[in-house]
C-alpha atoms as a PDB file:
ATOM      1  CA  UNK A   1       3.217 -14.095-106.021  1.00  0.00           C
ATOM      2  CA  UNK A   2       6.220 -15.185-103.949  1.00  0.00           C
ATOM      3  CA  UNK A   3       7.258 -11.599-103.313  1.00  0.00           C
ATOM      4  CA  UNK A   4       3.758 -10.725-102.051  1.00  0.00           C
ATOM      5  CA  UNK A   5       3.902 -13.643 -99.628  1.00  0.00           C
ATOM      6  CA  UNK A   6       7.317 -12.482 -98.432  1.00  0.00           C
ATOM      7  CA  UNK A   7       5.825  -9.046 -97.678  1.00  0.00           C
ATOM      8  CA  UNK A   8       2.607 -10.294 -96.036  1.00  0.00           C
ATOM      9  CA  UNK A   9       4.199 -12.952 -93.797  1.00  0.00           C
ATOM     10  CA  UNK A  10       6.206 -10.481 -91.644  1.00  0.00           C
ATOM     11  CA  UNK A  11       3.184  -8.176 -91.341  1.00  0.00           C
ATOM     12  CA  UNK A  12       0.918 -11.034 -90.206  1.00  0.00           C
ATOM     13  CA  UNK A  13       3.602 -12.363 -87.845  1.00  0.00           C
ATOM     14  CA  UNK A  14       4.145  -8.927 -86.318  1.00  0.00           C
ATOM     15  CA  UNK A  15       0.378  -8.429 -85.991  1.00  0.00           C
ATOM     16  CA  UNK A  16      -0.017 -11.776 -84.204  1.00  0.00           C
ATOM     17  CA  UNK A  17       2.975 -11.099 -81.946  1.00  0.00           C
ATOM     18  CA  UNK A  18       1.761  -7.612 -80.972  1.00  0.00           C
ATOM     19  CA  UNK A  19      -1.759  -8.935 -80.393  1.00  0.00           C
ATOM     20  CA  UNK A  20      -0.373 -11.603 -78.085  1.00  0.00           C
ATOM     21  CA  UNK A  21       1.844  -9.157 -76.182  1.00  0.00           C
ATOM     22  CA  UNK A  22      -0.585  -6.231 -75.871  1.00  0.00           C
ATOM     23  CA  UNK A  23      -3.835  -8.197 -75.769  1.00  0.00           C
ATOM     24  CA  UNK A  24      -2.888 -11.145 -73.555  1.00  0.00           C
ATOM     25  CA  UNK A  25       0.503 -10.928 -71.842  1.00  0.00           C
ATOM     26  CA  UNK A  26       0.394  -7.263 -70.795  1.00  0.00           C
ATOM     27  CA  UNK A  27      -3.171  -7.374 -69.334  1.00  0.00           C
ATOM     28  CA  UNK A  28      -2.342 -10.565 -67.412  1.00  0.00           C
ATOM     29  CA  UNK A  29       0.846  -9.037 -65.979  1.00  0.00           C
ATOM     30  CA  UNK A  30      -0.934  -5.813 -64.973  1.00  0.00           C
ATOM     31  CA  UNK A  31      -3.828  -7.754 -63.403  1.00  0.00           C
ATOM     32  CA  UNK A  32      -1.384 -10.028 -61.551  1.00  0.00           C
ATOM     33  CA  UNK A  33       0.653  -7.113 -60.195  1.00  0.00           C
ATOM     34  CA  UNK A  34      -2.544  -5.294 -59.154  1.00  0.00           C
ATOM     35  CA  UNK A  35      -3.827  -8.400 -57.349  1.00  0.00           C
ATOM     36  CA  UNK A  36      -0.503  -8.757 -55.537  1.00  0.00           C
ATOM     37  CA  UNK A  37       0.003  -5.096 -54.636  1.00  0.00           C
ATOM     38  CA  UNK A  38      -3.548  -3.832 -54.034  1.00  0.00           C
ATOM     39  CA  UNK A  39      -6.134  -6.604 -54.239  1.00  0.00           C
ATOM     40  CA  UNK A  40      -8.989  -4.499 -52.830  1.00  0.00           C
ATOM     41  CA  UNK A  41      -8.671  -1.878 -55.513  1.00  0.00           C
ATOM     42  CA  UNK A  42      -7.995  -4.454 -58.215  1.00  0.00           C
ATOM     43  CA  UNK A  43     -11.320  -6.100 -57.376  1.00  0.00           C
ATOM     44  CA  UNK A  44     -13.397  -2.920 -57.548  1.00  0.00           C
ATOM     45  CA  UNK A  45     -13.012  -1.454 -54.039  1.00  0.00           C
ATOM     46  CA  UNK A  46     -15.908  -3.586 -52.801  1.00  0.00           C
ATOM     47  CA  UNK A  47     -17.274  -2.782 -49.336  1.00  0.00           C
ATOM     48  CA  UNK A  48     -18.925  -5.274 -47.014  1.00  0.00           C
ATOM     49  CA  UNK A  49     -21.244  -4.951 -44.044  1.00  0.00           C
ATOM     50  CA  UNK A  50     -22.015  -7.959 -41.830  1.00  0.00           C
ATOM     51  CA  UNK A  51     -20.356 -10.254 -44.363  1.00  0.00           C
ATOM     52  CA  UNK A  52     -22.534  -9.016 -47.239  1.00  0.00           C
ATOM     53  CA  UNK A  53     -21.249  -7.010 -50.186  1.00  0.00           C
ATOM     54  CA  UNK A  54     -23.059  -3.673 -50.073  1.00  0.00           C
ATOM     55  CA  UNK A  55     -21.347  -1.765 -52.842  1.00  0.00           C
ATOM     56  CA  UNK A  56     -18.165  -0.187 -54.093  1.00  0.00           C
ATOM     57  CA  UNK A  57     -16.500   2.883 -52.685  1.00  0.00           C
ATOM     58  CA  UNK A  58     -16.149   4.034 -56.306  1.00  0.00           C
ATOM     59  CA  UNK A  59     -19.854   4.132 -57.224  1.00  0.00           C
ATOM     60  CA  UNK A  60     -22.447   6.330 -55.556  1.00  0.00           C
ATOM     61  CA  UNK A  61     -25.536   4.858 -53.977  1.00  0.00           C
ATOM     62  CA  UNK A  62     -28.937   6.296 -53.270  1.00  0.00           C
ATOM     63  CA  UNK A  63     -29.816   6.568 -49.577  1.00  0.00           C
ATOM     64  CA  UNK A  64     -33.182   7.469 -48.136  1.00  0.00           C
ATOM     65  CA  UNK A  65     -34.329   8.103 -44.626  1.00  0.00           C
ATOM     66  CA  UNK A  66     -33.272  10.741 -42.132  1.00  0.00           C
ATOM     67  CA  UNK A  67     -30.644   8.542 -40.450  1.00  0.00           C
ATOM     68  CA  UNK A  68     -28.420   8.365 -43.521  1.00  0.00           C
ATOM     69  CA  UNK A  69     -26.204  10.852 -45.268  1.00  0.00           C
ATOM     70  CA  UNK A  70     -27.525  11.439 -48.748  1.00  0.00           C
ATOM     71  CA  UNK A  71     -25.451  11.355 -51.906  1.00  0.00           C
ATOM     72  CA  UNK A  72     -25.546  13.779 -54.760  1.00  0.00           C
ATOM     73  CA  UNK A  73     -28.674  13.593 -56.881  1.00  0.00           C
ATOM     74  CA  UNK A  74     -28.255  11.178 -59.759  1.00  0.00           C
ATOM     75  CA  UNK A  75     -29.077  11.933 -63.375  1.00  0.00           C
ATOM     76  CA  UNK A  76     -29.305   8.218 -64.098  1.00  0.00           C
ATOM     77  CA  UNK A  77     -32.851   7.170 -64.454  1.00  0.00           C
ATOM     78  CA  UNK A  78     -35.292   5.819 -63.789  1.00  0.00           C
ATOM     79  CA  UNK A  79     -33.337   4.284 -60.882  1.00  0.00           C
ATOM     80  CA  UNK A  80     -30.894   6.599 -59.081  1.00  0.00           C
ATOM     81  CA  UNK A  81     -27.191   5.701 -59.240  1.00  0.00           C
ATOM     82  CA  UNK A  82     -27.761   3.086 -61.926  1.00  0.00           C
ATOM     83  CA  UNK A  83     -24.294   2.124 -63.166  1.00  0.00           C
ATOM     84  CA  UNK A  84     -25.712   0.808 -66.430  1.00  0.00           C
ATOM     85  CA  UNK A  85     -27.129   4.229 -67.250  1.00  0.00           C
ATOM     86  CA  UNK A  86     -24.169   6.374 -66.263  1.00  0.00           C
ATOM     87  CA  UNK A  87     -24.535   9.847 -67.697  1.00  0.00           C
ATOM     88  CA  UNK A  88     -25.018  13.431 -66.699  1.00  0.00           C
ATOM     89  CA  UNK A  89     -28.174  15.366 -67.403  1.00  0.00           C
ATOM     90  CA  UNK A  90     -26.450  17.520 -70.047  1.00  0.00           C
ATOM     91  CA  UNK A  91     -28.579  20.466 -68.925  1.00  0.00           C
ATOM     92  CA  UNK A  92     -26.691  23.756 -68.887  1.00  0.00           C
ATOM     93  CA  UNK A  93     -26.813  26.132 -65.917  1.00  0.00           C
ATOM     94  CA  UNK A  94     -29.243  28.449 -67.719  1.00  0.00           C
ATOM     95  CA  UNK A  95     -31.624  25.650 -68.702  1.00  0.00           C
ATOM     96  CA  UNK A  96     -35.006  26.259 -67.020  1.00  0.00           C
ATOM     97  CA  UNK A  97     -35.477  22.513 -66.395  1.00  0.00           C
ATOM     98  CA  UNK A  98     -32.228  22.360 -64.396  1.00  0.00           C
ATOM     99  CA  UNK A  99     -33.051  25.565 -62.529  1.00  0.00           C
ATOM    100  CA  UNK A 100     -36.493  24.202 -61.610  1.00  0.00           C
ATOM    101  CA  UNK A 101     -34.999  20.869 -60.490  1.00  0.00           C
ATOM    102  CA  UNK A 102     -32.436  22.632 -58.294  1.00  0.00           C
ATOM    103  CA  UNK A 103     -35.086  24.916 -56.773  1.00  0.00           C
ATOM    104  CA  UNK A 104     -37.249  21.865 -56.038  1.00  0.00           C
ATOM    105  CA  UNK A 105     -34.349  20.026 -54.403  1.00  0.00           C
ATOM    106  CA  UNK A 106     -33.478  23.061 -52.277  1.00  0.00           C
ATOM    107  CA  UNK A 107     -37.099  23.409 -51.160  1.00  0.00           C
ATOM    108  CA  UNK A 108     -37.254  19.687 -50.305  1.00  0.00           C
ATOM    109  CA  UNK A 109     -34.048  19.852 -48.251  1.00  0.00           C
ATOM    110  CA  UNK A 110     -35.253  22.934 -46.380  1.00  0.00           C
ATOM    111  CA  UNK A 111     -38.561  21.171 -45.650  1.00  0.00           C
ATOM    112  CA  UNK A 112     -36.837  18.022 -44.390  1.00  0.00           C
ATOM    113  CA  UNK A 113     -34.294  20.030 -42.383  1.00  0.00           C
ATOM    114  CA  UNK A 114     -36.227  23.075 -41.163  1.00  0.00           C
ATOM    115  CA  UNK A 115     -33.483  24.123 -38.715  1.00  0.00           C
ATOM    116  CA  UNK A 116     -30.997  24.748 -41.522  1.00  0.00           C
ATOM    117  CA  UNK A 117     -30.847  28.402 -42.504  1.00  0.00           C
ATOM    118  CA  UNK A 118     -27.552  28.443 -44.378  1.00  0.00           C
ATOM    119  CA  UNK A 119     -27.093  27.998 -48.076  1.00  0.00           C
ATOM    120  CA  UNK A 120     -27.576  24.471 -49.350  1.00  0.00           C
ATOM    121  CA  UNK A 121     -24.271  23.137 -50.741  1.00  0.00           C
ATOM    122  CA  UNK A 122     -24.393  22.834 -54.529  1.00  0.00           C
ATOM    123  CA  UNK A 123     -23.468  19.155 -54.569  1.00  0.00           C
ATOM    124  CA  UNK A 124     -26.639  18.261 -52.652  1.00  0.00           C
ATOM    125  CA  UNK A 125     -28.828  19.715 -55.395  1.00  0.00           C
ATOM    126  CA  UNK A 126     -26.871  19.089 -58.612  1.00  0.00           C
ATOM    127  CA  UNK A 127     -25.894  15.784 -60.196  1.00  0.00           C
ATOM    128  CA  UNK A 128     -22.315  14.903 -61.027  1.00  0.00           C
ATOM    129  CA  UNK A 129     -21.146  14.437 -64.612  1.00  0.00           C
ATOM    130  CA  UNK A 130     -21.448  10.641 -64.414  1.00  0.00           C
ATOM    131  CA  UNK A 131     -24.463  10.548 -62.118  1.00  0.00           C
ATOM    132  CA  UNK A 132     -22.543   8.032 -59.983  1.00  0.00           C
ATOM    133  CA  UNK A 133     -20.271  10.195 -57.844  1.00  0.00           C
ATOM    134  CA  UNK A 134     -19.693   8.432 -54.499  1.00  0.00           C
ATOM    135  CA  UNK A 135     -18.490  11.609 -52.790  1.00  0.00           C
ATOM    136  CA  UNK A 136     -19.938  14.796 -51.412  1.00  0.00           C
ATOM    137  CA  UNK A 137     -18.118  17.820 -50.101  1.00  0.00           C
ATOM    138  CA  UNK A 138     -17.457  18.156 -46.366  1.00  0.00           C
ATOM    139  CA  UNK A 139     -19.859  21.126 -46.423  1.00  0.00           C
ATOM    140  CA  UNK A 140     -22.618  18.893 -47.846  1.00  0.00           C
ATOM    141  CA  UNK A 141     -21.958  16.285 -45.157  1.00  0.00           C
ATOM    142  CA  UNK A 142     -21.910  18.883 -42.368  1.00  0.00           C
ATOM    143  CA  UNK A 143     -25.175  20.318 -43.695  1.00  0.00           C
ATOM    144  CA  UNK A 144     -26.799  16.937 -42.980  1.00  0.00           C
ATOM    145  CA  UNK A 145     -25.261  16.319 -39.526  1.00  0.00           C
ATOM    146  CA  UNK A 146     -28.175  17.659 -37.475  1.00  0.00           C
ATOM    147  CA  UNK A 147     -30.746  15.506 -39.285  1.00  0.00           C
ATOM    148  CA  UNK A 148     -28.634  12.333 -39.119  1.00  0.00           C
ATOM    149  CA  UNK A 149     -27.651  12.846 -35.480  1.00  0.00           C
ATOM    150  CA  UNK A 150     -31.251  13.480 -34.461  1.00  0.00           C
ATOM    151  CA  UNK A 151     -32.566  10.446 -36.354  1.00  0.00           C
ATOM    152  CA  UNK A 152     -29.891   8.152 -34.877  1.00  0.00           C
ATOM    153  CA  UNK A 153     -30.031   9.609 -31.371  1.00  0.00           C
ATOM    154  CA  UNK A 154     -26.340  10.504 -31.457  1.00  0.00           C
ATOM    155  CA  UNK A 155     -24.631  13.679 -30.300  1.00  0.00           C
ATOM    156  CA  UNK A 156     -23.863  15.985 -33.208  1.00  0.00           C
ATOM    157  CA  UNK A 157     -20.202  16.128 -32.145  1.00  0.00           C
ATOM    158  CA  UNK A 158     -19.894  12.362 -32.641  1.00  0.00           C
ATOM    159  CA  UNK A 159     -21.445  12.533 -36.100  1.00  0.00           C
ATOM    160  CA  UNK A 160     -19.171  15.456 -37.016  1.00  0.00           C
ATOM    161  CA  UNK A 161     -16.163  13.416 -35.860  1.00  0.00           C
ATOM    162  CA  UNK A 162     -17.239  10.582 -38.167  1.00  0.00           C
ATOM    163  CA  UNK A 163     -17.610  12.992 -41.072  1.00  0.00           C
ATOM    164  CA  UNK A 164     -14.088  14.241 -40.428  1.00  0.00           C
ATOM    165  CA  UNK A 165     -12.792  10.650 -40.168  1.00  0.00           C
ATOM    166  CA  UNK A 166     -14.224   9.887 -43.622  1.00  0.00           C
ATOM    167  CA  UNK A 167     -13.023  13.115 -45.239  1.00  0.00           C
ATOM    168  CA  UNK A 168     -10.296  12.414 -47.788  1.00  0.00           C
ATOM    169  CA  UNK A 169      -7.939  15.242 -48.622  1.00  0.00           C
ATOM    170  CA  UNK A 170      -6.098  14.909 -51.937  1.00  0.00           C
ATOM    171  CA  UNK A 171      -2.332  14.766 -51.853  1.00  0.00           C
ATOM    172  CA  UNK A 172      -1.712  17.579 -54.336  1.00  0.00           C
ATOM    173  CA  UNK A 173      -4.760  18.844 -56.212  1.00  0.00           C
ATOM    174  CA  UNK A 174      -8.490  18.876 -55.684  1.00  0.00           C
ATOM    175  CA  UNK A 175     -10.952  19.474 -52.918  1.00  0.00           C
ATOM    176  CA  UNK A 176     -11.557  17.322 -49.837  1.00  0.00           C
ATOM    177  CA  UNK A 177     -14.397  14.815 -50.256  1.00  0.00           C
ATOM    178  CA  UNK A 178     -16.474  12.499 -48.077  1.00  0.00           C
ATOM    179  CA  UNK A 179     -17.348   9.007 -49.291  1.00  0.00           C
ATOM    180  CA  UNK A 180     -21.062   8.659 -48.482  1.00  0.00           C
ATOM    181  CA  UNK A 181     -21.214   4.847 -48.503  1.00  0.00           C
ATOM    182  CA  UNK A 182     -18.220   4.508 -46.175  1.00  0.00           C
ATOM    183  CA  UNK A 183     -19.656   7.136 -43.815  1.00  0.00           C
ATOM    184  CA  UNK A 184     -23.073   5.436 -43.732  1.00  0.00           C
ATOM    185  CA  UNK A 185     -21.459   2.043 -43.116  1.00  0.00           C
ATOM    186  CA  UNK A 186     -19.564   3.545 -40.188  1.00  0.00           C
ATOM    187  CA  UNK A 187     -22.843   4.829 -38.761  1.00  0.00           C
ATOM    188  CA  UNK A 188     -24.543   1.472 -39.340  1.00  0.00           C
ATOM    189  CA  UNK A 189     -21.769  -0.316 -37.438  1.00  0.00           C
ATOM    190  CA  UNK A 190     -22.575   1.569 -34.228  1.00  0.00           C
END
């Protein structure tokens, strides 16, 4: 019995020590360093407008109305961009339901923006893997410029300049993206 206790005691002690280090000390140190070095990101990249929290630059939002840039469609339902229901549609590219949804979205965009004759960018008619993507491609933003500029009574050149200002280009890999919430907040500030 004594030898069993001698074997168990170090295992339990090591377990408790590792739990304390990896479950308490390490998370507190990382959180403290993050708060000191980059508090905005450590707190969820929250964005404010007129003193009110309006969202996070990391989570897509659903915008309606012609004066706003629209995000990617969201597969989260029944409410679009519902963070509690984050998921993709899991429909493959050959699935008739996805093809019908994309055709319907293209037709709706062409109806809302009758002056657009070019191809509709894919990210305006397909959902992202999480259903919460806060970004669209620069092409998707530029596709919407005429509608937004007309609805807001702004020159298209000014709206294009704002799109360019909110276009993030990755340092090494990836495609440039436009954060829709940040772009819409910029438009709302004017």
